[in-house]
Amino acid sequence: MNLLIVDDDIELLEQLCKSLEKKRYRVETAVNGEQALDKIFAITYDLVLLDIMLPRLDGLSVLKEIRRAGMNTPVLMLTARSDVEDKVKGLDYGADDYLSKPFSMAELMARIRAMLRRDGKREVVLTAGDIKLDTVSRTVTGHGKPLSLTTKEFSILEFLLHNKGSAVSRFNMAEHVWGDDFDPFSMSNFIDVHIKNLRKKIKVRDNVDIIRTIRGIGFIIDESL
């Protein structure tokens, strides 16, 4: 598997290269947006790790050029925790997922494995059992019938489906859905309430929940669904 890491933090680049090469990935790097585009248009990569804050050409502009060229290469955006607006823009521009800095190597590896399992195909419709979520029309159906989800419920389900087969931590989910508006002290039960309501609406069949709780970690939608 060929991976390209784009970041101007040389120390981080070296750390990521060593960790990924130990997992037998072939890794190349770029330290600015222009260099990244030159490599992406010259070589076929299975995955691109793309930082948003880059010299010469920022990560969002690089992403727009990739998608404008009709390239479906999976892109994992690397962002600062406070850049919620940029994360939203990244997903709107065609990013497949994002990861906030600082991140653990274990979580990065899990995200990479999950994205590569999609075989590089950008999915417009995400599925789990009989549940189908259309990322373009922003609609959800179950058993062929439309389901009425709130904005927050849709965002939670979409985030879980994008990470199907990988555990999503409560913190990352809260950050994705509520951004900087999330207060862990006054809103600690918000996730549980929304998950509970969402589960009721998207049951595959009696006594079977699409969303599984992993104690002490968060939630997951199993790859088998």
Foldseek 3Di string as FASTA:
>chain_A
DEEEEEAQPVVVVVVVVVVVVVVVYHYDYHQALVRVLVDVVVDPGQEYEAEQDGPPAGRLRSLLVCVVVVALRAYEYEYAQQPLVVQVSSVVSPHLYYDYPPDDPVVVVLLVVQSVVVVSDDDQWFDAQQWIAGVPVRWIDGPRHTFDDDPLLSQLVVNQSSSAADFDFPVNSCCNRVNPNDDCVPCVCVVVVSQVVSQVGHPNDPPDGQWDADPPGGIHRHPVD
